[in-house]
Amino acid sequence: NFHSKTDTEVVLKLYEKLGFEFIKELNGDFAISIFDRQKDKLYIIRDRVGVKPLYYYHTNEQFIFASEIKSILSAGVEALLSEDEVLNYFVFKYSPQQKTLYKNILRLSPASYLEYSISKNTLSIHNYWQVQKNNEYTNLSYGDSQECLFDLIKDSSQMRLIADVPVGNFLSGGLDSSIIAYFIKDRQDILHYCARKSESD
């Protein structure tokens, strides 16, 4: 029995039914937290390719997680810059691995989950997925590859239209949003939004 019309409740029911194996049934981008009181475990989970951000902070006294660093800082964590990571940022324009510009604030890796024990204040990180070679796509001709890619993108675009809220498309002018627009152009229920910049921008 469902008490709402949200996809969040579907995820929780899936966890109740399958345990942590539920993650194999999800397709798409997500950052999820589930507290299992019976197991005394809090799980935070990041999608397979890391589209959704997920950060955490852990000391002997605290465990804090959020989708943005500023949320962790607003919880009272002192913003201490890591000199090594500032140097990395100037060289690479990002912080390598799962580090951030701040000491003790880390990113959870894509396709990983963090398991936190509430009573013991201990955590462990596990990988739940990795890219596998799919023999179905080997030795394809150029034409077959085009057709296959077309079908995969079409299927992926249609799958993302299932939602518990209205769905729109944001046309940034880039390649990915233009491709998505192509595959959903015939849907009358989809609103399309276009980004525009003025000369002062």
C-alpha atoms as a PDB file:
ATOM      1  CA  ASN A   1       0.000   0.000   0.000  1.00  0.00           C
ATOM      2  CA  PHE A   2       1.287   3.428  -0.948  1.00  0.00           C
ATOM      3  CA  HIS A   3       0.392   6.553   1.002  1.00  0.00           C
ATOM      4  CA  SER A   4       1.641   9.123  -1.505  1.00  0.00           C
ATOM      5  CA  LYS A   5       2.307   9.595  -5.211  1.00  0.00           C
ATOM      6  CA  THR A   6       6.031  10.257  -4.886  1.00  0.00           C
ATOM      7  CA  ASP A   7       8.927   8.301  -6.327  1.00  0.00           C
ATOM      8  CA  THR A   8      10.607   8.597  -2.914  1.00  0.00           C
ATOM      9  CA  GLU A   9       8.091   6.219  -1.393  1.00  0.00           C
ATOM     10  CA  VAL A  10       8.662   3.751  -4.232  1.00  0.00           C
ATOM     11  CA  VAL A  11      12.389   3.715  -3.400  1.00  0.00           C
ATOM     12  CA  LEU A  12      11.648   3.017   0.265  1.00  0.00           C
ATOM     13  CA  LYS A  13       9.242   0.187  -0.589  1.00  0.00           C
ATOM     14  CA  LEU A  14      11.866  -1.282  -2.903  1.00  0.00           C
ATOM     15  CA  TYR A  15      14.398  -1.198  -0.049  1.00  0.00           C
ATOM     16  CA  GLU A  16      11.880  -2.870   2.286  1.00  0.00           C
ATOM     17  CA  LYS A  17      11.277  -5.615  -0.239  1.00  0.00           C
ATOM     18  CA  LEU A  18      14.811  -6.312  -1.546  1.00  0.00           C
ATOM     19  CA  GLY A  19      17.157  -4.915   1.103  1.00  0.00           C
ATOM     20  CA  PHE A  20      20.258  -3.256  -0.268  1.00  0.00           C
ATOM     21  CA  GLU A  21      19.888  -5.206  -3.519  1.00  0.00           C
ATOM     22  CA  PHE A  22      17.231  -2.589  -4.398  1.00  0.00           C
ATOM     23  CA  ILE A  23      20.016  -0.422  -5.813  1.00  0.00           C
ATOM     24  CA  LYS A  24      20.347  -2.740  -8.809  1.00  0.00           C
ATOM     25  CA  GLU A  25      16.783  -1.873  -9.834  1.00  0.00           C
ATOM     26  CA  LEU A  26      17.397   1.885 -10.082  1.00  0.00           C
ATOM     27  CA  ASN A  27      18.199   3.474 -13.419  1.00  0.00           C
ATOM     28  CA  GLY A  28      19.233   7.102 -13.573  1.00  0.00           C
ATOM     29  CA  ASP A  29      20.831   9.760 -11.413  1.00  0.00           C
ATOM     30  CA  PHE A  30      20.186   9.977  -7.694  1.00  0.00           C
ATOM     31  CA  ALA A  31      21.578  10.730  -4.260  1.00  0.00           C
ATOM     32  CA  ILE A  32      19.719   8.737  -1.621  1.00  0.00           C
ATOM     33  CA  SER A  33      19.861   8.377   2.145  1.00  0.00           C
ATOM     34  CA  ILE A  34      18.061   5.595   4.005  1.00  0.00           C
ATOM     35  CA  PHE A  35      18.062   5.126   7.765  1.00  0.00           C
ATOM     36  CA  ASP A  36      17.396   1.525   8.796  1.00  0.00           C
ATOM     37  CA  ARG A  37      16.593   1.692  12.509  1.00  0.00           C
ATOM     38  CA  GLN A  38      16.549  -2.096  12.938  1.00  0.00           C
ATOM     39  CA  LYS A  39      20.094  -2.441  11.571  1.00  0.00           C
ATOM     40  CA  ASP A  40      21.315   0.777  13.243  1.00  0.00           C
ATOM     41  CA  LYS A  41      22.615   1.818   9.830  1.00  0.00           C
ATOM     42  CA  LEU A  42      22.367   4.951   7.771  1.00  0.00           C
ATOM     43  CA  TYR A  43      23.110   4.491   4.083  1.00  0.00           C
ATOM     44  CA  ILE A  44      23.973   7.301   1.718  1.00  0.00           C
ATOM     45  CA  ILE A  45      24.172   6.252  -1.928  1.00  0.00           C
ATOM     46  CA  ARG A  46      25.364   8.039  -5.065  1.00  0.00           C
ATOM     47  CA  ASP A  47      24.318   7.171  -8.617  1.00  0.00           C
ATOM     48  CA  ARG A  48      26.489   5.107 -10.933  1.00  0.00           C
ATOM     49  CA  VAL A  49      28.231   7.919 -12.822  1.00  0.00           C
ATOM     50  CA  GLY A  50      28.059  10.570 -10.109  1.00  0.00           C
ATOM     51  CA  VAL A  51      25.614  13.008 -11.675  1.00  0.00           C
ATOM     52  CA  LYS A  52      24.136  13.943  -8.303  1.00  0.00           C
ATOM     53  CA  PRO A  53      26.652  15.348  -5.809  1.00  0.00           C
ATOM     54  CA  LEU A  54      26.942  13.917  -2.292  1.00  0.00           C
ATOM     55  CA  TYR A  55      29.325  15.245   0.365  1.00  0.00           C
ATOM     56  CA  TYR A  56      30.059  14.148   3.914  1.00  0.00           C
ATOM     57  CA  TYR A  57      31.964  15.228   7.019  1.00  0.00           C
ATOM     58  CA  HIS A  58      33.006  12.806   9.750  1.00  0.00           C
ATOM     59  CA  THR A  59      34.822  13.310  13.061  1.00  0.00           C
ATOM     60  CA  ASN A  60      34.806  11.527  16.418  1.00  0.00           C
ATOM     61  CA  GLU A  61      31.695  13.492  17.373  1.00  0.00           C
ATOM     62  CA  GLN A  62      29.820  14.167  14.138  1.00  0.00           C
ATOM     63  CA  PHE A  63      28.647  12.760  10.847  1.00  0.00           C
ATOM     64  CA  ILE A  64      27.031  15.219   8.455  1.00  0.00           C
ATOM     65  CA  PHE A  65      26.078  14.700   4.822  1.00  0.00           C
ATOM     66  CA  ALA A  66      24.455  16.892   2.198  1.00  0.00           C
ATOM     67  CA  SER A  67      24.182  17.479  -1.525  1.00  0.00           C
ATOM     68  CA  GLU A  68      26.091  20.776  -1.168  1.00  0.00           C
ATOM     69  CA  ILE A  69      29.131  21.774   0.859  1.00  0.00           C
ATOM     70  CA  LYS A  70      27.451  24.980   2.038  1.00  0.00           C
ATOM     71  CA  SER A  71      24.821  22.888   3.826  1.00  0.00           C
ATOM     72  CA  ILE A  72      27.567  21.127   5.797  1.00  0.00           C
ATOM     73  CA  LEU A  73      29.177  24.481   6.627  1.00  0.00           C
ATOM     74  CA  SER A  74      25.827  25.897   7.733  1.00  0.00           C
ATOM     75  CA  ALA A  75      25.569  23.008  10.226  1.00  0.00           C
ATOM     76  CA  GLY A  76      28.461  24.602  12.112  1.00  0.00           C
ATOM     77  CA  VAL A  77      31.475  22.981  10.467  1.00  0.00           C
ATOM     78  CA  GLU A  78      34.407  25.372  10.271  1.00  0.00           C
ATOM     79  CA  ALA A  79      35.445  26.193   6.696  1.00  0.00           C
ATOM     80  CA  LEU A  80      39.126  25.248   6.823  1.00  0.00           C
ATOM     81  CA  LEU A  81      40.776  25.397   3.414  1.00  0.00           C
ATOM     82  CA  SER A  82      43.129  22.589   2.449  1.00  0.00           C
ATOM     83  CA  GLU A  83      46.272  24.182   0.997  1.00  0.00           C
ATOM     84  CA  ASP A  84      47.100  21.037  -0.996  1.00  0.00           C
ATOM     85  CA  GLU A  85      43.667  21.031  -2.595  1.00  0.00           C
ATOM     86  CA  VAL A  86      43.819  24.743  -3.393  1.00  0.00           C
ATOM     87  CA  LEU A  87      47.056  24.035  -5.283  1.00  0.00           C
ATOM     88  CA  ASN A  88      45.417  21.092  -7.063  1.00  0.00           C
ATOM     89  CA  TYR A  89      42.511  23.333  -7.995  1.00  0.00           C
ATOM     90  CA  PHE A  90      44.825  25.920  -9.572  1.00  0.00           C
ATOM     91  CA  VAL A  91      46.576  23.169 -11.546  1.00  0.00           C
ATOM     92  CA  PHE A  92      43.625  20.926 -12.549  1.00  0.00           C
ATOM     93  CA  LYS A  93      40.635  23.297 -12.087  1.00  0.00           C
ATOM     94  CA  TYR A  94      39.060  20.730  -9.732  1.00  0.00           C
ATOM     95  CA  SER A  95      39.970  18.671  -6.661  1.00  0.00           C
ATOM     96  CA  PRO A  96      41.143  15.203  -7.755  1.00  0.00           C
ATOM     97  CA  GLN A  97      39.818  11.963  -6.271  1.00  0.00           C
ATOM     98  CA  GLN A  98      37.060  12.517  -3.724  1.00  0.00           C
ATOM     99  CA  LYS A  99      38.635  15.470  -1.952  1.00  0.00           C
ATOM    100  CA  THR A 100      37.252  19.004  -1.782  1.00  0.00           C
ATOM    101  CA  LEU A 101      38.800  22.407  -1.084  1.00  0.00           C
ATOM    102  CA  TYR A 102      37.834  21.969   2.577  1.00  0.00           C
ATOM    103  CA  LYS A 103      39.568  19.849   5.207  1.00  0.00           C
ATOM    104  CA  ASN A 104      37.520  16.840   6.378  1.00  0.00           C
ATOM    105  CA  ILE A 105      34.769  17.381   3.781  1.00  0.00           C
ATOM    106  CA  LEU A 106      34.801  14.638   1.137  1.00  0.00           C
ATOM    107  CA  ARG A 107      32.773  13.611  -1.915  1.00  0.00           C
ATOM    108  CA  LEU A 108      31.250  10.151  -2.026  1.00  0.00           C
ATOM    109  CA  SER A 109      32.531   8.357  -5.129  1.00  0.00           C
ATOM    110  CA  PRO A 110      30.147   7.570  -7.997  1.00  0.00           C
ATOM    111  CA  ALA A 111      28.581   4.075  -7.812  1.00  0.00           C
ATOM    112  CA  SER A 112      29.351   3.936  -4.093  1.00  0.00           C
ATOM    113  CA  TYR A 113      27.474   3.853  -0.844  1.00  0.00           C
ATOM    114  CA  LEU A 114      28.517   4.866   2.628  1.00  0.00           C
ATOM    115  CA  GLU A 115      27.326   2.722   5.533  1.00  0.00           C
ATOM    116  CA  TYR A 116      27.262   4.578   8.857  1.00  0.00           C
ATOM    117  CA  SER A 117      26.621   3.022  12.269  1.00  0.00           C
ATOM    118  CA  ILE A 118      24.667   5.468  14.430  1.00  0.00           C
ATOM    119  CA  SER A 119      25.584   3.912  17.784  1.00  0.00           C
ATOM    120  CA  LYS A 120      29.291   3.334  17.025  1.00  0.00           C
ATOM    121  CA  ASN A 121      29.931   6.452  14.905  1.00  0.00           C
ATOM    122  CA  THR A 122      31.826   4.322  12.374  1.00  0.00           C
ATOM    123  CA  LEU A 123      31.565   4.330   8.614  1.00  0.00           C
ATOM    124  CA  SER A 124      32.637   2.198   5.688  1.00  0.00           C
ATOM    125  CA  ILE A 125      32.462   2.900   1.954  1.00  0.00           C
ATOM    126  CA  HIS A 126      31.618   0.288  -0.658  1.00  0.00           C
ATOM    127  CA  ASN A 127      31.401   0.218  -4.445  1.00  0.00           C
ATOM    128  CA  TYR A 128      28.167  -1.328  -5.787  1.00  0.00           C
ATOM    129  CA  TRP A 129      28.696  -1.107  -9.569  1.00  0.00           C
ATOM    130  CA  GLN A 130      31.352  -0.801 -12.238  1.00  0.00           C
ATOM    131  CA  VAL A 131      31.281  -0.541 -16.012  1.00  0.00           C
ATOM    132  CA  GLN A 132      31.153  -3.949 -17.667  1.00  0.00           C
ATOM    133  CA  LYS A 133      31.993  -4.810 -21.244  1.00  0.00           C
ATOM    134  CA  ASN A 134      28.788  -5.739 -23.064  1.00  0.00           C
ATOM    135  CA  ASN A 135      29.492  -8.285 -25.799  1.00  0.00           C
ATOM    136  CA  GLU A 136      26.177  -7.379 -27.438  1.00  0.00           C
ATOM    137  CA  TYR A 137      27.827  -4.215 -28.801  1.00  0.00           C
ATOM    138  CA  THR A 138      31.091  -5.664 -30.124  1.00  0.00           C
ATOM    139  CA  ASN A 139      31.933  -5.903 -33.843  1.00  0.00           C
ATOM    140  CA  LEU A 140      29.086  -3.612 -34.921  1.00  0.00           C
ATOM    141  CA  SER A 141      29.309  -1.854 -38.253  1.00  0.00           C
ATOM    142  CA  TYR A 142      29.245   1.952 -38.309  1.00  0.00           C
ATOM    143  CA  GLY A 143      25.604   1.909 -39.469  1.00  0.00           C
ATOM    144  CA  ASP A 144      24.586  -0.594 -36.799  1.00  0.00           C
ATOM    145  CA  SER A 145      26.395   1.489 -34.170  1.00  0.00           C
ATOM    146  CA  GLN A 146      24.434   4.577 -35.250  1.00  0.00           C
ATOM    147  CA  GLU A 147      21.167   2.693 -35.053  1.00  0.00           C
ATOM    148  CA  CYS A 148      22.034   1.190 -31.692  1.00  0.00           C
ATOM    149  CA  LEU A 149      23.017   4.562 -30.207  1.00  0.00           C
ATOM    150  CA  PHE A 150      19.808   6.124 -31.543  1.00  0.00           C
ATOM    151  CA  ASP A 151      17.700   3.416 -29.852  1.00  0.00           C
ATOM    152  CA  LEU A 152      19.595   3.689 -26.555  1.00  0.00           C
ATOM    153  CA  ILE A 153      19.193   7.467 -26.354  1.00  0.00           C
ATOM    154  CA  LYS A 154      15.525   7.238 -27.347  1.00  0.00           C
ATOM    155  CA  ASP A 155      14.869   4.623 -24.665  1.00  0.00           C
ATOM    156  CA  SER A 156      16.784   6.605 -22.054  1.00  0.00           C
ATOM    157  CA  SER A 157      14.919   9.838 -22.895  1.00  0.00           C
ATOM    158  CA  GLN A 158      11.506   8.154 -22.696  1.00  0.00           C
ATOM    159  CA  MET A 159      12.373   6.548 -19.354  1.00  0.00           C
ATOM    160  CA  ARG A 160      13.195   9.967 -17.845  1.00  0.00           C
ATOM    161  CA  LEU A 161       9.703  11.256 -18.651  1.00  0.00           C
ATOM    162  CA  ILE A 162       8.202   9.104 -15.869  1.00  0.00           C
ATOM    163  CA  ALA A 163       7.816  11.420 -12.879  1.00  0.00           C
ATOM    164  CA  ASP A 164       5.484  12.420 -10.085  1.00  0.00           C
ATOM    165  CA  VAL A 165       5.775  16.103 -11.061  1.00  0.00           C
ATOM    166  CA  PRO A 166       5.412  17.941 -14.387  1.00  0.00           C
ATOM    167  CA  VAL A 167       8.368  17.371 -16.730  1.00  0.00           C
ATOM    168  CA  GLY A 168      10.014  20.106 -18.762  1.00  0.00           C
ATOM    169  CA  ASN A 169      12.985  20.425 -21.082  1.00  0.00           C
ATOM    170  CA  PHE A 170      15.584  23.139 -20.713  1.00  0.00           C
ATOM    171  CA  LEU A 171      17.189  24.092 -24.029  1.00  0.00           C
ATOM    172  CA  SER A 172      20.619  25.470 -23.191  1.00  0.00           C
ATOM    173  CA  GLY A 173      21.805  25.403 -26.794  1.00  0.00           C
ATOM    174  CA  GLY A 174      24.173  22.546 -26.030  1.00  0.00           C
ATOM    175  CA  LEU A 175      24.336  19.178 -27.734  1.00  0.00           C
ATOM    176  CA  ASP A 176      22.791  17.073 -24.966  1.00  0.00           C
ATOM    177  CA  SER A 177      19.670  19.226 -24.418  1.00  0.00           C
ATOM    178  CA  SER A 178      19.156  19.472 -28.200  1.00  0.00           C
ATOM    179  CA  ILE A 179      19.325  15.678 -28.542  1.00  0.00           C
ATOM    180  CA  ILE A 180      16.827  15.234 -25.703  1.00  0.00           C
ATOM    181  CA  ALA A 181      14.518  17.819 -27.300  1.00  0.00           C
ATOM    182  CA  TYR A 182      14.573  15.834 -30.543  1.00  0.00           C
ATOM    183  CA  PHE A 183      13.370  12.677 -28.832  1.00  0.00           C
ATOM    184  CA  ILE A 184      10.541  14.333 -26.888  1.00  0.00           C
ATOM    185  CA  LYS A 185       9.441  16.936 -29.444  1.00  0.00           C
ATOM    186  CA  ASP A 186       6.151  15.162 -30.190  1.00  0.00           C
ATOM    187  CA  ARG A 187       5.012  15.011 -26.562  1.00  0.00           C
ATOM    188  CA  GLN A 188       2.311  17.653 -26.101  1.00  0.00           C
ATOM    189  CA  ASP A 189       2.527  17.493 -22.300  1.00  0.00           C
ATOM    190  CA  ILE A 190       6.184  18.586 -22.176  1.00  0.00           C
ATOM    191  CA  LEU A 191       7.062  22.263 -21.763  1.00  0.00           C
ATOM    192  CA  HIS A 192      10.279  23.458 -23.395  1.00  0.00           C
ATOM    193  CA  TYR A 193      12.315  26.310 -21.930  1.00  0.00           C
ATOM    194  CA  CYS A 194      15.068  28.177 -23.734  1.00  0.00           C
ATOM    195  CA  ALA A 195      18.024  29.970 -22.148  1.00  0.00           C
ATOM    196  CA  ARG A 196      18.817  33.412 -23.461  1.00  0.00           C
ATOM    197  CA  LYS A 197      21.670  35.796 -22.695  1.00  0.00           C
ATOM    198  CA  SER A 198      21.722  39.534 -23.126  1.00  0.00           C
ATOM    199  CA  GLU A 199      24.714  41.422 -24.511  1.00  0.00           C
ATOM    200  CA  SER A 200      25.582  42.609 -20.979  1.00  0.00           C
ATOM    201  CA  ASP A 201      26.054  38.947 -19.954  1.00  0.00           C
END
